[in-house]
C-alpha cells in the first residue's frame, strides 16, 4: 500500500507550512503513490520523487515554474501521461527511467 503525500509530511521534512511557496520538493524512496497535493504547489521548480509508486503525471500539469522532474522507478505505464507536462514550459530535465513506459519500443 502506498502513502499519500500530505501537508503534514511536507512540513515534517521541510519545516515549512506554506507549501504554496516551496520551490523544491524531495521525497525520494518514500513509497508515495498519491501526489495530488502537488497541484497546490505552483512555485515548484525542482521535484524529486524517484523510487515511489506514482502512476500519473496529471497533478504536475499546471506547474509553470517546474524545471526538473525526477520520477525514476515509479509506476508510470502510459506514455500519454507525458502530455500533462505540455504546458510546463520551463521543464528541462525529466527523468522517467525505470518506469514501465520505458519498456515500450516507441519510448
N, C-alpha and C. Protein backbone atom coordinates (compact mmCIF):
# COMPACT_ATOMS: atom_id res chain seq x y z
N UNK A 1 0.85 -1.19 0.00
CA UNK A 1 0.00 0.00 0.00
C UNK A 1 0.89 1.25 0.00
N UNK A 2 0.54 2.19 -0.84
CA UNK A 2 1.36 3.40 -0.94
C UNK A 2 0.83 4.52 -0.03
N UNK A 3 1.67 5.51 0.12
CA UNK A 3 1.40 6.64 1.01
C UNK A 3 0.91 7.84 0.21
N UNK A 4 0.07 8.64 0.83
CA UNK A 4 -0.38 9.89 0.23
C UNK A 4 0.51 11.02 0.74
N UNK A 5 1.04 11.81 -0.20
CA UNK A 5 1.82 12.99 0.17
C UNK A 5 0.87 14.04 0.73
N UNK A 6 1.12 14.48 1.94
CA UNK A 6 0.23 15.42 2.63
C UNK A 6 0.99 16.65 3.10
N UNK A 7 0.25 17.66 3.51
CA UNK A 7 0.85 18.86 4.11
C UNK A 7 1.70 18.50 5.32
N UNK A 8 1.20 17.55 6.11
CA UNK A 8 1.91 17.16 7.32
C UNK A 8 3.26 16.53 6.99
N UNK A 9 3.29 15.65 5.99
CA UNK A 9 4.55 15.03 5.59
C UNK A 9 5.53 16.07 5.04
N UNK A 10 5.00 16.99 4.26
CA UNK A 10 5.85 18.04 3.69
C UNK A 10 6.40 18.92 4.80
N UNK A 11 5.57 19.27 5.76
CA UNK A 11 6.03 20.09 6.89
C UNK A 11 7.11 19.37 7.70
N UNK A 12 6.90 18.07 7.95
CA UNK A 12 7.89 17.30 8.72
C UNK A 12 9.27 17.34 8.05
N UNK A 13 9.28 17.30 6.74
CA UNK A 13 10.55 17.25 6.02
C UNK A 13 11.14 18.64 5.76
N UNK A 14 10.30 19.61 5.45
CA UNK A 14 10.79 20.94 5.04
C UNK A 14 10.73 21.97 6.16
N UNK A 15 9.94 21.70 7.18
CA UNK A 15 9.69 22.67 8.28
C UNK A 15 9.05 23.94 7.74
N UNK A 16 8.35 23.81 6.64
CA UNK A 16 7.68 24.95 6.00
C UNK A 16 6.20 24.61 5.87
N UNK A 17 5.34 25.40 6.50
CA UNK A 17 3.91 25.09 6.46
C UNK A 17 3.16 25.84 5.36
N UNK A 18 3.87 26.62 4.57
CA UNK A 18 3.25 27.30 3.43
C UNK A 18 3.73 26.64 2.14
N UNK A 19 3.12 25.51 1.83
CA UNK A 19 3.55 24.72 0.68
C UNK A 19 3.40 25.47 -0.64
N UNK A 20 2.55 26.47 -0.65
CA UNK A 20 2.30 27.23 -1.88
C UNK A 20 3.54 27.95 -2.39
N UNK A 21 4.53 28.16 -1.52
CA UNK A 21 5.73 28.90 -1.90
C UNK A 21 6.99 28.03 -2.01
N UNK A 22 6.86 26.75 -1.78
CA UNK A 22 8.02 25.86 -1.89
C UNK A 22 8.49 25.79 -3.34
N UNK A 23 9.80 25.81 -3.53
CA UNK A 23 10.36 25.71 -4.88
C UNK A 23 11.03 24.36 -5.11
N UNK A 24 11.31 23.63 -4.04
CA UNK A 24 11.96 22.33 -4.17
C UNK A 24 11.27 21.31 -3.27
N UNK A 25 11.13 20.10 -3.80
CA UNK A 25 10.49 19.02 -3.05
C UNK A 25 11.24 17.73 -3.32
N UNK A 26 11.65 17.04 -2.25
CA UNK A 26 12.39 15.80 -2.39
C UNK A 26 11.80 14.75 -1.46
N UNK A 27 11.09 13.80 -2.04
CA UNK A 27 10.56 12.66 -1.31
C UNK A 27 10.95 11.40 -2.05
N UNK A 28 12.24 11.23 -2.24
CA UNK A 28 12.84 10.11 -2.93
C UNK A 28 12.70 8.86 -2.08
N UNK A 29 12.18 7.78 -2.67
CA UNK A 29 12.11 6.49 -1.98
C UNK A 29 11.23 6.46 -0.76
N UNK A 30 10.06 7.07 -0.82
CA UNK A 30 9.18 7.16 0.36
C UNK A 30 7.88 6.38 0.21
N UNK A 31 7.77 5.52 -0.82
CA UNK A 31 6.58 4.69 -1.02
C UNK A 31 5.32 5.52 -1.29
N UNK A 32 5.50 6.67 -1.94
CA UNK A 32 4.38 7.59 -2.21
C UNK A 32 3.69 7.22 -3.52
N UNK A 33 2.36 7.16 -3.47
CA UNK A 33 1.57 6.87 -4.66
C UNK A 33 0.65 8.02 -5.04
N UNK A 34 0.20 8.77 -4.07
CA UNK A 34 -0.73 9.87 -4.30
C UNK A 34 0.00 11.20 -4.08
N UNK A 35 0.17 11.94 -5.18
CA UNK A 35 0.84 13.25 -5.11
C UNK A 35 -0.12 14.37 -5.51
N UNK A 36 -1.39 14.18 -5.28
CA UNK A 36 -2.39 15.16 -5.70
C UNK A 36 -2.16 16.54 -5.08
N UNK A 37 -1.50 16.61 -3.94
CA UNK A 37 -1.22 17.89 -3.30
C UNK A 37 -0.28 18.76 -4.14
N UNK A 38 0.46 18.15 -5.04
CA UNK A 38 1.41 18.87 -5.91
C UNK A 38 0.70 19.99 -6.68
N UNK A 39 -0.55 19.77 -7.06
CA UNK A 39 -1.28 20.77 -7.84
C UNK A 39 -1.48 22.08 -7.07
N UNK A 40 -1.29 22.05 -5.77
CA UNK A 40 -1.43 23.24 -4.93
C UNK A 40 -0.07 23.87 -4.58
N UNK A 41 0.94 23.49 -5.35
CA UNK A 41 2.31 23.98 -5.10
C UNK A 41 2.85 24.62 -6.38
N UNK A 42 2.27 25.73 -6.81
CA UNK A 42 2.58 26.31 -8.13
C UNK A 42 3.99 26.84 -8.30
N UNK A 43 4.73 27.03 -7.23
CA UNK A 43 6.07 27.61 -7.33
C UNK A 43 7.17 26.56 -7.45
N UNK A 44 6.80 25.28 -7.44
CA UNK A 44 7.80 24.23 -7.52
C UNK A 44 8.66 24.35 -8.77
N UNK A 45 9.96 24.24 -8.58
CA UNK A 45 10.92 24.26 -9.69
C UNK A 45 11.61 22.91 -9.84
N UNK A 46 11.96 22.29 -8.73
CA UNK A 46 12.66 21.01 -8.75
C UNK A 46 11.90 20.01 -7.88
N UNK A 47 11.56 18.87 -8.48
CA UNK A 47 10.82 17.83 -7.76
C UNK A 47 11.55 16.50 -7.94
N UNK A 48 11.84 15.85 -6.84
CA UNK A 48 12.47 14.53 -6.87
C UNK A 48 11.56 13.55 -6.15
N UNK A 49 10.92 12.71 -6.93
CA UNK A 49 10.02 11.70 -6.39
C UNK A 49 10.36 10.31 -6.94
N UNK A 50 11.62 10.08 -7.20
CA UNK A 50 12.06 8.79 -7.71
C UNK A 50 11.86 7.70 -6.67
N UNK A 51 11.73 6.49 -7.17
CA UNK A 51 11.56 5.28 -6.36
C UNK A 51 10.35 5.41 -5.43
N UNK A 52 9.20 5.62 -6.05
CA UNK A 52 7.92 5.67 -5.35
C UNK A 52 6.92 4.83 -6.13
N UNK A 53 5.64 5.14 -6.02
CA UNK A 53 4.59 4.36 -6.69
C UNK A 53 3.64 5.25 -7.47
N UNK A 54 4.17 6.29 -8.05
CA UNK A 54 3.36 7.27 -8.79
C UNK A 54 2.94 6.69 -10.13
N UNK A 55 1.65 6.84 -10.46
CA UNK A 55 1.10 6.29 -11.69
C UNK A 55 0.69 7.35 -12.71
N UNK A 56 0.50 8.59 -12.25
CA UNK A 56 0.01 9.63 -13.14
C UNK A 56 0.81 10.92 -12.99
N UNK A 57 0.86 11.67 -14.07
CA UNK A 57 1.53 12.97 -14.08
C UNK A 57 0.54 14.12 -14.08
N UNK A 58 -0.73 13.83 -13.98
CA UNK A 58 -1.76 14.87 -14.12
C UNK A 58 -1.66 15.99 -13.09
N UNK A 59 -1.12 15.70 -11.93
CA UNK A 59 -1.04 16.73 -10.88
C UNK A 59 0.11 17.70 -11.10
N UNK A 60 0.96 17.41 -12.07
CA UNK A 60 2.06 18.31 -12.42
C UNK A 60 1.67 19.28 -13.54
N UNK A 61 0.48 19.12 -14.05
CA UNK A 61 0.01 19.83 -15.24
C UNK A 61 0.15 21.35 -15.19
N UNK A 62 -0.16 21.98 -14.11
CA UNK A 62 -0.15 23.43 -14.05
C UNK A 62 1.10 24.05 -13.46
N UNK A 63 2.16 23.27 -13.31
CA UNK A 63 3.37 23.79 -12.67
C UNK A 63 4.26 24.52 -13.68
N UNK A 64 3.97 25.79 -13.88
CA UNK A 64 4.67 26.56 -14.92
C UNK A 64 6.11 26.90 -14.57
N UNK A 65 6.52 26.75 -13.30
CA UNK A 65 7.90 27.03 -12.89
C UNK A 65 8.77 25.78 -12.87
N UNK A 66 8.17 24.63 -13.09
CA UNK A 66 8.88 23.36 -12.98
C UNK A 66 10.00 23.26 -14.02
N UNK A 67 11.22 23.05 -13.55
CA UNK A 67 12.35 22.90 -14.48
C UNK A 67 12.98 21.51 -14.39
N UNK A 68 12.85 20.83 -13.26
CA UNK A 68 13.39 19.48 -13.10
C UNK A 68 12.35 18.58 -12.45
N UNK A 69 12.10 17.44 -13.08
CA UNK A 69 11.16 16.46 -12.54
C UNK A 69 11.81 15.09 -12.60
N UNK A 70 12.13 14.57 -11.44
CA UNK A 70 12.80 13.28 -11.32
C UNK A 70 11.80 12.24 -10.82
N UNK A 71 11.44 11.33 -11.71
CA UNK A 71 10.44 10.30 -11.40
C UNK A 71 10.93 8.90 -11.78
N UNK A 72 12.22 8.65 -11.64
CA UNK A 72 12.75 7.32 -11.94
C UNK A 72 12.08 6.26 -11.06
N UNK A 73 11.91 5.09 -11.63
CA UNK A 73 11.42 3.92 -10.90
C UNK A 73 10.12 4.18 -10.14
N UNK A 74 9.10 4.57 -10.89
CA UNK A 74 7.74 4.69 -10.38
C UNK A 74 6.88 3.71 -11.16
N UNK A 75 5.58 3.94 -11.23
CA UNK A 75 4.66 3.02 -11.92
C UNK A 75 3.94 3.69 -13.08
N UNK A 76 4.63 4.52 -13.83
CA UNK A 76 4.03 5.22 -14.97
C UNK A 76 4.03 4.25 -16.16
N UNK A 77 2.83 3.85 -16.57
CA UNK A 77 2.66 2.81 -17.59
C UNK A 77 2.23 3.34 -18.95
N UNK A 78 1.68 4.53 -19.01
CA UNK A 78 1.12 5.06 -20.24
C UNK A 78 1.90 6.29 -20.69
N UNK A 79 2.50 6.22 -21.87
CA UNK A 79 3.30 7.33 -22.38
C UNK A 79 2.47 8.60 -22.56
N UNK A 80 1.17 8.47 -22.71
CA UNK A 80 0.28 9.64 -22.83
C UNK A 80 0.30 10.50 -21.57
N UNK A 81 0.76 9.97 -20.46
CA UNK A 81 0.87 10.74 -19.23
C UNK A 81 1.78 11.95 -19.42
N UNK A 82 2.75 11.84 -20.30
CA UNK A 82 3.69 12.94 -20.55
C UNK A 82 2.95 14.16 -21.09
N UNK A 83 1.80 13.97 -21.71
CA UNK A 83 1.01 15.10 -22.22
C UNK A 83 0.61 16.07 -21.12
N UNK A 84 0.55 15.61 -19.89
CA UNK A 84 0.21 16.50 -18.78
C UNK A 84 1.30 17.55 -18.53
N UNK A 85 2.46 17.32 -19.09
CA UNK A 85 3.59 18.24 -18.89
C UNK A 85 3.75 19.24 -20.03
N UNK A 86 2.85 19.21 -20.98
CA UNK A 86 2.98 20.03 -22.18
C UNK A 86 3.05 21.53 -21.90
N UNK A 87 2.42 21.99 -20.84
CA UNK A 87 2.44 23.42 -20.50
C UNK A 87 3.51 23.78 -19.49
N UNK A 88 4.36 22.85 -19.16
CA UNK A 88 5.49 23.10 -18.25
C UNK A 88 6.65 23.62 -19.11
N UNK A 89 6.53 24.87 -19.54
CA UNK A 89 7.46 25.46 -20.50
C UNK A 89 8.91 25.51 -20.02
N UNK A 90 9.14 25.54 -18.73
CA UNK A 90 10.49 25.64 -18.19
C UNK A 90 11.13 24.28 -17.91
N UNK A 91 10.39 23.21 -18.14
CA UNK A 91 10.88 21.87 -17.85
C UNK A 91 12.06 21.54 -18.76
N UNK A 92 13.22 21.29 -18.17
CA UNK A 92 14.43 20.99 -18.92
C UNK A 92 14.97 19.59 -18.61
N UNK A 93 14.64 19.08 -17.43
CA UNK A 93 15.10 17.74 -17.05
C UNK A 93 13.89 16.92 -16.63
N UNK A 94 13.70 15.79 -17.32
CA UNK A 94 12.62 14.85 -17.00
C UNK A 94 13.24 13.46 -16.94
N UNK A 95 13.24 12.86 -15.76
CA UNK A 95 13.79 11.52 -15.57
C UNK A 95 12.66 10.53 -15.36
N UNK A 96 12.50 9.63 -16.31
CA UNK A 96 11.45 8.62 -16.22
C UNK A 96 12.00 7.20 -16.32
N UNK A 97 13.31 7.04 -16.33
CA UNK A 97 13.89 5.70 -16.48
C UNK A 97 13.42 4.79 -15.35
N UNK A 98 13.27 3.53 -15.70
CA UNK A 98 12.84 2.55 -14.71
C UNK A 98 11.34 2.46 -14.53
N UNK A 99 10.58 3.25 -15.29
CA UNK A 99 9.12 3.15 -15.28
C UNK A 99 8.69 2.14 -16.35
N UNK A 100 7.53 1.52 -16.20
CA UNK A 100 7.07 0.57 -17.22
C UNK A 100 7.01 1.15 -18.64
N UNK A 101 6.81 2.45 -18.80
CA UNK A 101 6.75 3.03 -20.15
C UNK A 101 8.08 2.89 -20.89
N UNK A 102 9.16 2.73 -20.17
CA UNK A 102 10.48 2.61 -20.79
C UNK A 102 10.67 1.28 -21.51
N UNK A 103 9.80 0.33 -21.25
CA UNK A 103 9.89 -0.98 -21.89
C UNK A 103 9.30 -0.99 -23.29
N UNK A 104 8.55 0.04 -23.66
CA UNK A 104 7.96 0.10 -24.98
C UNK A 104 9.00 0.52 -26.02
N UNK A 105 8.95 -0.08 -27.19
CA UNK A 105 9.95 0.23 -28.22
C UNK A 105 9.84 1.67 -28.72
N UNK A 106 8.67 2.27 -28.65
CA UNK A 106 8.49 3.64 -29.13
C UNK A 106 8.80 4.69 -28.07
N UNK A 107 9.25 4.27 -26.91
CA UNK A 107 9.61 5.22 -25.84
C UNK A 107 10.81 6.01 -26.29
